N, C-alpha and C. Protein backbone atom coordinates (compact mmCIF):
# COMPACT_ATOMS: atom_id res chain seq x y z
N MET A 1 70.99 -5.57 0.66
CA MET A 1 69.73 -4.64 0.49
C MET A 1 68.97 -5.49 -0.52
N VAL A 2 69.34 -6.09 -1.69
CA VAL A 2 69.11 -7.20 -2.20
C VAL A 2 67.99 -7.77 -1.66
N SER A 3 68.20 -8.45 -0.97
CA SER A 3 67.65 -9.87 -0.36
C SER A 3 65.92 -9.05 0.55
N ILE A 4 66.67 -7.64 0.79
CA ILE A 4 65.19 -7.15 2.04
C ILE A 4 64.52 -6.86 0.87
N ALA A 5 64.54 -6.05 -0.45
CA ALA A 5 63.70 -5.94 -1.58
C ALA A 5 63.21 -6.66 -1.67
N TYR A 6 63.89 -7.73 -2.49
CA TYR A 6 62.83 -9.43 -2.26
C TYR A 6 61.96 -10.18 -1.47
N ALA A 7 62.19 -9.67 -0.52
CA ALA A 7 61.30 -10.20 0.58
C ALA A 7 59.51 -9.70 0.65
N MET A 8 60.16 -8.05 0.22
CA MET A 8 58.97 -7.34 0.36
C MET A 8 58.08 -7.26 -0.39
N GLY A 9 58.54 -8.39 -1.74
CA GLY A 9 57.50 -8.98 -2.43
C GLY A 9 56.71 -9.38 -2.55
N GLN A 10 55.86 -9.74 -3.61
CA GLN A 10 54.71 -10.76 -3.83
C GLN A 10 55.04 -11.86 -3.72
N GLY A 11 56.69 -12.23 -3.76
CA GLY A 11 57.02 -13.94 -3.56
C GLY A 11 56.33 -14.50 -5.01
N GLY A 12 56.32 -14.04 -5.74
CA GLY A 12 56.47 -14.40 -7.21
C GLY A 12 54.95 -14.77 -7.56
N ALA A 13 53.87 -14.82 -6.54
CA ALA A 13 52.85 -15.09 -6.98
C ALA A 13 51.78 -14.15 -8.01
N PRO A 14 50.91 -14.49 -8.89
CA PRO A 14 50.70 -14.44 -10.17
C PRO A 14 49.87 -13.17 -9.96
N GLU A 15 49.53 -11.98 -10.27
CA GLU A 15 48.79 -10.66 -9.83
C GLU A 15 47.34 -11.68 -10.63
N GLY A 16 46.42 -10.97 -9.71
CA GLY A 16 44.98 -10.71 -10.41
C GLY A 16 44.46 -12.50 -9.82
N GLY A 17 44.57 -13.43 -9.46
CA GLY A 17 44.35 -14.55 -9.24
C GLY A 17 43.36 -14.48 -8.27
N ALA A 18 43.36 -15.58 -7.63
CA ALA A 18 42.29 -15.70 -6.55
C ALA A 18 41.99 -13.76 -5.53
N ALA A 19 42.45 -13.19 -5.28
CA ALA A 19 42.63 -12.08 -5.19
C ALA A 19 41.27 -11.35 -5.81
N GLY A 20 41.53 -11.38 -7.72
CA GLY A 20 40.65 -10.68 -8.80
C GLY A 20 39.21 -11.34 -8.61
N TYR A 21 39.10 -12.64 -7.96
CA TYR A 21 37.66 -12.92 -8.31
C TYR A 21 37.04 -12.62 -6.53
N ALA A 22 37.92 -12.24 -5.64
CA ALA A 22 37.50 -11.67 -4.41
C ALA A 22 37.17 -10.50 -4.23
N SER A 23 37.55 -9.45 -5.49
CA SER A 23 37.15 -8.00 -5.63
C SER A 23 35.71 -7.93 -5.98
N PHE A 24 35.55 -9.11 -6.88
CA PHE A 24 33.87 -9.33 -7.05
C PHE A 24 32.71 -9.59 -6.22
N ILE A 25 32.65 -9.97 -5.18
CA ILE A 25 31.83 -10.51 -4.52
C ILE A 25 31.43 -9.57 -3.72
N PRO A 26 31.54 -8.34 -3.24
CA PRO A 26 30.79 -7.66 -2.82
C PRO A 26 29.89 -6.68 -3.75
N LEU A 27 30.76 -6.77 -5.21
CA LEU A 27 29.51 -6.36 -6.16
C LEU A 27 28.26 -7.42 -6.11
N VAL A 28 28.36 -8.94 -6.41
CA VAL A 28 28.09 -9.94 -6.84
C VAL A 28 26.88 -9.78 -5.32
N LEU A 29 26.88 -9.55 -4.31
CA LEU A 29 26.25 -9.55 -2.77
C LEU A 29 25.41 -8.31 -3.10
N MET A 30 26.08 -6.81 -3.50
CA MET A 30 24.74 -5.66 -3.29
C MET A 30 24.11 -5.92 -4.83
N PHE A 31 24.43 -6.86 -5.76
CA PHE A 31 23.54 -6.75 -6.55
C PHE A 31 22.28 -7.51 -5.88
N VAL A 32 22.44 -8.46 -5.12
CA VAL A 32 22.18 -9.88 -4.80
C VAL A 32 21.01 -8.88 -4.13
N ILE A 33 21.14 -8.15 -2.58
CA ILE A 33 20.51 -7.15 -1.70
C ILE A 33 19.56 -6.46 -2.73
N PHE A 34 19.89 -5.91 -4.19
CA PHE A 34 18.94 -5.01 -4.78
C PHE A 34 17.95 -6.04 -5.27
N TYR A 35 18.18 -6.95 -5.67
CA TYR A 35 17.25 -7.68 -6.12
C TYR A 35 16.39 -8.12 -5.78
N PHE A 36 16.74 -8.57 -4.46
CA PHE A 36 15.23 -8.82 -3.25
C PHE A 36 14.77 -7.60 -2.44
N LEU A 37 15.19 -6.61 -2.22
CA LEU A 37 15.00 -5.58 -1.68
C LEU A 37 14.23 -4.34 -2.51
N LEU A 38 14.65 -4.60 -3.80
CA LEU A 38 14.40 -3.03 -4.55
C LEU A 38 13.39 -4.34 -5.91
N ILE A 39 14.29 -5.22 -6.95
CA ILE A 39 13.41 -5.76 -8.14
C ILE A 39 12.53 -6.20 -7.70
N ARG A 40 12.69 -7.12 -7.06
CA ARG A 40 11.80 -8.52 -7.50
C ARG A 40 10.37 -7.96 -6.40
N PRO A 41 10.24 -7.20 -5.25
CA PRO A 41 8.83 -6.38 -5.06
C PRO A 41 8.16 -5.74 -6.18
N GLN A 42 8.86 -4.75 -6.54
CA GLN A 42 8.84 -3.84 -7.68
C GLN A 42 7.84 -4.81 -9.07
N GLN A 43 8.34 -5.87 -9.57
CA GLN A 43 7.69 -6.71 -10.44
C GLN A 43 6.60 -7.29 -9.55
N LYS A 44 6.54 -7.86 -8.65
CA LYS A 44 5.48 -8.68 -8.04
C LYS A 44 3.89 -7.47 -7.92
N ARG A 45 4.57 -6.31 -7.68
CA ARG A 45 3.59 -5.13 -7.75
C ARG A 45 3.09 -4.89 -9.14
N SER A 46 3.88 -4.88 -9.85
CA SER A 46 3.52 -4.45 -11.25
C SER A 46 2.81 -5.61 -11.93
N LYS A 47 3.00 -6.95 -11.57
CA LYS A 47 1.87 -8.34 -11.91
C LYS A 47 0.65 -8.01 -11.44
N GLU A 48 0.58 -7.49 -10.13
CA GLU A 48 -0.50 -7.54 -9.12
C GLU A 48 -1.46 -6.50 -9.84
N HIS A 49 -0.76 -5.44 -10.53
CA HIS A 49 -1.56 -4.60 -11.15
C HIS A 49 -1.58 -4.40 -12.59
N ARG A 50 -1.64 -5.75 -13.21
CA ARG A 50 -1.34 -5.73 -14.74
C ARG A 50 -3.10 -7.10 -14.37
N THR A 51 -2.87 -7.60 -13.29
CA THR A 51 -3.82 -8.43 -13.25
C THR A 51 -5.16 -7.68 -12.66
N LEU A 52 -4.91 -6.60 -11.86
CA LEU A 52 -6.34 -5.76 -11.64
C LEU A 52 -6.79 -5.23 -12.61
N ILE A 53 -6.26 -4.56 -13.56
CA ILE A 53 -6.66 -4.47 -14.55
C ILE A 53 -7.09 -5.04 -15.71
N ALA A 54 -6.58 -5.97 -15.55
CA ALA A 54 -7.50 -7.06 -16.77
C ALA A 54 -8.31 -7.31 -15.80
N ASN A 55 -8.65 -7.77 -14.85
CA ASN A 55 -10.37 -8.09 -13.99
C ASN A 55 -10.83 -7.86 -13.83
N LEU A 56 -11.08 -6.21 -14.06
CA LEU A 56 -11.82 -4.92 -14.31
C LEU A 56 -13.11 -5.66 -14.79
N LYS A 57 -14.44 -5.28 -14.28
CA LYS A 57 -15.49 -5.47 -15.14
C LYS A 57 -16.51 -4.18 -15.05
N LYS A 58 -17.70 -4.17 -15.18
CA LYS A 58 -19.17 -3.05 -15.18
C LYS A 58 -19.56 -3.34 -14.20
N GLY A 59 -19.24 -2.25 -13.24
CA GLY A 59 -20.35 -2.32 -11.92
C GLY A 59 -18.64 -2.48 -10.45
N ASP A 60 -17.40 -2.60 -10.96
CA ASP A 60 -17.09 -2.57 -9.91
C ASP A 60 -16.32 -0.75 -9.48
N ARG A 61 -16.44 -0.39 -8.05
CA ARG A 61 -15.77 0.54 -7.43
C ARG A 61 -14.60 0.86 -7.53
N ILE A 62 -13.77 1.94 -8.48
CA ILE A 62 -12.28 1.65 -8.43
C ILE A 62 -11.86 3.08 -7.37
N ILE A 63 -10.73 3.35 -7.19
CA ILE A 63 -10.09 4.46 -6.87
C ILE A 63 -9.24 4.84 -8.25
N THR A 64 -9.29 5.98 -8.72
CA THR A 64 -7.85 6.38 -9.97
C THR A 64 -6.97 6.74 -8.99
N SER A 65 -5.65 6.77 -9.84
CA SER A 65 -4.28 7.36 -9.26
C SER A 65 -4.75 8.95 -9.13
N GLY A 66 -5.50 9.28 -9.60
CA GLY A 66 -5.68 11.12 -9.16
C GLY A 66 -6.41 11.27 -8.11
N GLY A 67 -6.82 10.24 -7.77
CA GLY A 67 -8.11 10.00 -6.61
C GLY A 67 -9.74 10.21 -6.43
N LEU A 68 -9.93 9.81 -7.84
CA LEU A 68 -11.26 9.49 -7.79
C LEU A 68 -12.17 8.28 -7.74
N HIS A 69 -13.10 8.95 -7.18
CA HIS A 69 -13.73 7.49 -7.02
C HIS A 69 -15.16 7.33 -7.96
N GLY A 70 -15.19 6.21 -8.40
CA GLY A 70 -16.19 6.09 -9.19
C GLY A 70 -16.70 4.41 -9.06
N ARG A 71 -17.20 4.43 -10.17
CA ARG A 71 -17.75 2.96 -10.33
C ARG A 71 -17.97 3.12 -12.37
N VAL A 72 -17.29 1.58 -12.28
CA VAL A 72 -17.29 1.65 -14.23
C VAL A 72 -18.28 1.35 -14.58
N THR A 73 -18.64 2.02 -15.78
CA THR A 73 -19.97 1.71 -16.78
C THR A 73 -19.93 1.57 -18.17
N GLY A 74 -18.61 1.15 -18.55
CA GLY A 74 -18.25 1.45 -19.47
C GLY A 74 -16.83 0.73 -20.29
N MET A 75 -16.29 0.00 -20.89
CA MET A 75 -15.00 -0.83 -21.13
C MET A 75 -14.30 -0.48 -22.70
N ASP A 76 -13.73 -0.54 -22.63
CA ASP A 76 -13.04 -0.42 -23.90
C ASP A 76 -11.50 -1.17 -23.88
N GLU A 77 -10.79 -1.29 -24.86
CA GLU A 77 -9.22 -2.02 -24.54
C GLU A 77 -8.59 -1.26 -23.85
N THR A 78 -8.66 0.29 -24.07
CA THR A 78 -7.48 1.09 -23.63
C THR A 78 -7.70 2.17 -22.47
N THR A 79 -9.73 2.26 -22.46
CA THR A 79 -10.20 3.22 -22.05
C THR A 79 -11.31 2.53 -20.98
N LEU A 80 -11.95 3.24 -20.12
CA LEU A 80 -12.62 3.28 -18.86
C LEU A 80 -13.51 4.06 -19.04
N THR A 81 -14.86 3.84 -18.95
CA THR A 81 -16.12 5.13 -18.69
C THR A 81 -16.11 4.66 -17.26
N VAL A 82 -15.96 5.78 -16.47
CA VAL A 82 -16.03 5.82 -14.78
C VAL A 82 -17.23 6.73 -14.49
N GLU A 83 -18.47 6.78 -13.62
CA GLU A 83 -19.31 7.39 -13.15
C GLU A 83 -18.76 7.82 -11.98
N ILE A 84 -18.50 8.67 -11.75
CA ILE A 84 -17.80 10.39 -10.47
C ILE A 84 -19.22 10.10 -9.63
N ALA A 85 -20.04 11.13 -10.29
CA ALA A 85 -21.21 10.96 -10.06
C ALA A 85 -22.50 10.77 -10.42
N ASP A 86 -23.66 11.42 -10.19
CA ASP A 86 -25.06 11.14 -10.99
C ASP A 86 -24.70 12.03 -12.21
N LYS A 87 -24.94 11.19 -13.05
CA LYS A 87 -24.99 11.83 -14.66
C LYS A 87 -23.77 12.20 -15.47
N VAL A 88 -22.78 12.00 -14.53
CA VAL A 88 -21.57 12.49 -14.62
C VAL A 88 -20.94 11.56 -14.79
N ARG A 89 -20.29 11.27 -15.89
CA ARG A 89 -18.93 10.26 -16.32
C ARG A 89 -17.71 10.76 -17.38
N VAL A 90 -16.84 10.21 -16.71
CA VAL A 90 -15.48 10.57 -17.41
C VAL A 90 -14.94 9.51 -17.94
N LYS A 91 -13.73 9.39 -18.81
CA LYS A 91 -13.19 8.37 -19.73
C LYS A 91 -11.80 8.42 -19.49
N ILE A 92 -11.46 7.19 -18.41
CA ILE A 92 -9.55 7.34 -17.89
C ILE A 92 -9.21 6.08 -18.86
N ASN A 93 -7.94 6.03 -18.47
CA ASN A 93 -7.02 5.22 -19.35
C ASN A 93 -6.43 3.50 -18.04
N ARG A 94 -7.04 3.14 -19.02
CA ARG A 94 -6.95 1.77 -18.04
C ARG A 94 -5.89 1.69 -17.08
N ALA A 95 -4.61 1.96 -17.43
CA ALA A 95 -3.38 2.22 -16.22
C ALA A 95 -4.13 2.87 -15.05
N ASN A 96 -4.57 4.00 -15.40
CA ASN A 96 -4.43 4.75 -14.35
C ASN A 96 -5.91 4.56 -13.34
N VAL A 97 -6.03 3.74 -13.40
CA VAL A 97 -6.66 2.81 -11.89
C VAL A 97 -5.48 1.90 -11.31
N ALA A 98 -5.65 2.91 -9.72
CA ALA A 98 -4.92 2.64 -8.18
C ALA A 98 -5.45 1.23 -8.08
N GLY A 99 -6.77 0.86 -7.82
CA GLY A 99 -6.95 0.11 -7.34
C GLY A 99 -8.93 -0.25 -7.16
N VAL A 100 -9.12 -1.33 -6.65
CA VAL A 100 -10.52 -1.41 -6.83
C VAL A 100 -11.16 -1.60 -4.91
N ILE A 101 -12.01 -0.77 -5.12
CA ILE A 101 -12.81 -0.49 -3.40
C ILE A 101 -13.05 -2.20 -3.40
N ALA A 102 -12.61 -2.95 -2.30
CA ALA A 102 -13.03 -4.00 -1.80
C ALA A 102 -14.63 -4.23 -0.73
N GLY A 103 -15.34 -4.91 -1.47
CA GLY A 103 -16.58 -4.75 -0.46
C GLY A 103 -17.76 -3.79 -0.55
N ALA A 104 -17.54 -2.84 -1.93
CA ALA A 104 -18.42 -2.24 -1.97
C ALA A 104 -19.42 -2.64 -2.74
N THR A 105 -20.49 -2.86 -2.49
CA THR A 105 -21.96 -2.86 -3.32
C THR A 105 -22.40 -2.18 -4.55
N PRO A 106 -23.27 -2.46 -5.49
CA PRO A 106 -23.75 -1.52 -6.67
C PRO A 106 -24.32 -0.40 -5.57
N ALA A 107 -24.77 0.51 -5.94
CA ALA A 107 -25.75 1.34 -5.35
C ALA A 107 -27.34 0.72 -5.97
N PRO A 108 -28.11 0.73 -5.37
CA PRO A 108 -29.31 0.27 -5.79
C PRO A 108 -29.94 1.59 -6.86
N ALA A 109 -30.61 0.77 -7.82
CA ALA A 109 -31.39 2.01 -8.82
C ALA A 109 -32.11 2.99 -7.49
N GLU A 110 -31.98 3.83 -8.54
CA GLU A 110 -33.31 4.95 -7.69
C GLU A 110 -34.51 5.20 -7.96
N THR A 111 -35.78 4.35 -7.02
CA THR A 111 -36.81 4.27 -7.56
C THR A 111 -37.88 5.63 -7.06
N LYS A 112 -38.88 5.86 -8.21
CA LYS A 112 -39.59 7.25 -7.28
C LYS A 112 -40.67 6.69 -7.30
N THR A 113 -41.35 7.53 -5.27
CA THR A 113 -42.21 7.46 -5.56
C THR A 113 -42.90 8.39 -5.47
N GLU A 114 -44.35 8.46 -5.99
CA GLU A 114 -45.04 9.48 -6.34
C GLU A 114 -46.61 9.29 -5.72
């Protein structure tokens, strides 16, 4: 009976050897997958947004994260003055700019004909 119990054992192999490292492989693979599918694209979008905010200038047509469309008329370190209609200007935080409208040309100055 003793010989049967001994045969069912580990055979004297040290516990936690190569099998211990093999159990971490799925965790490492999950981290790598999360990095390439979630973390890296988010960092890329964040960097593009910081670049967009840094390159804003007067006259740019923008869209805010709240959905307002307007033209930048004034700038400060942390705020922008945006004209959303004739003689209607609002101040917004720079971080609330969602994007710049591409290909938009500044509106021509109004001329009165009498």
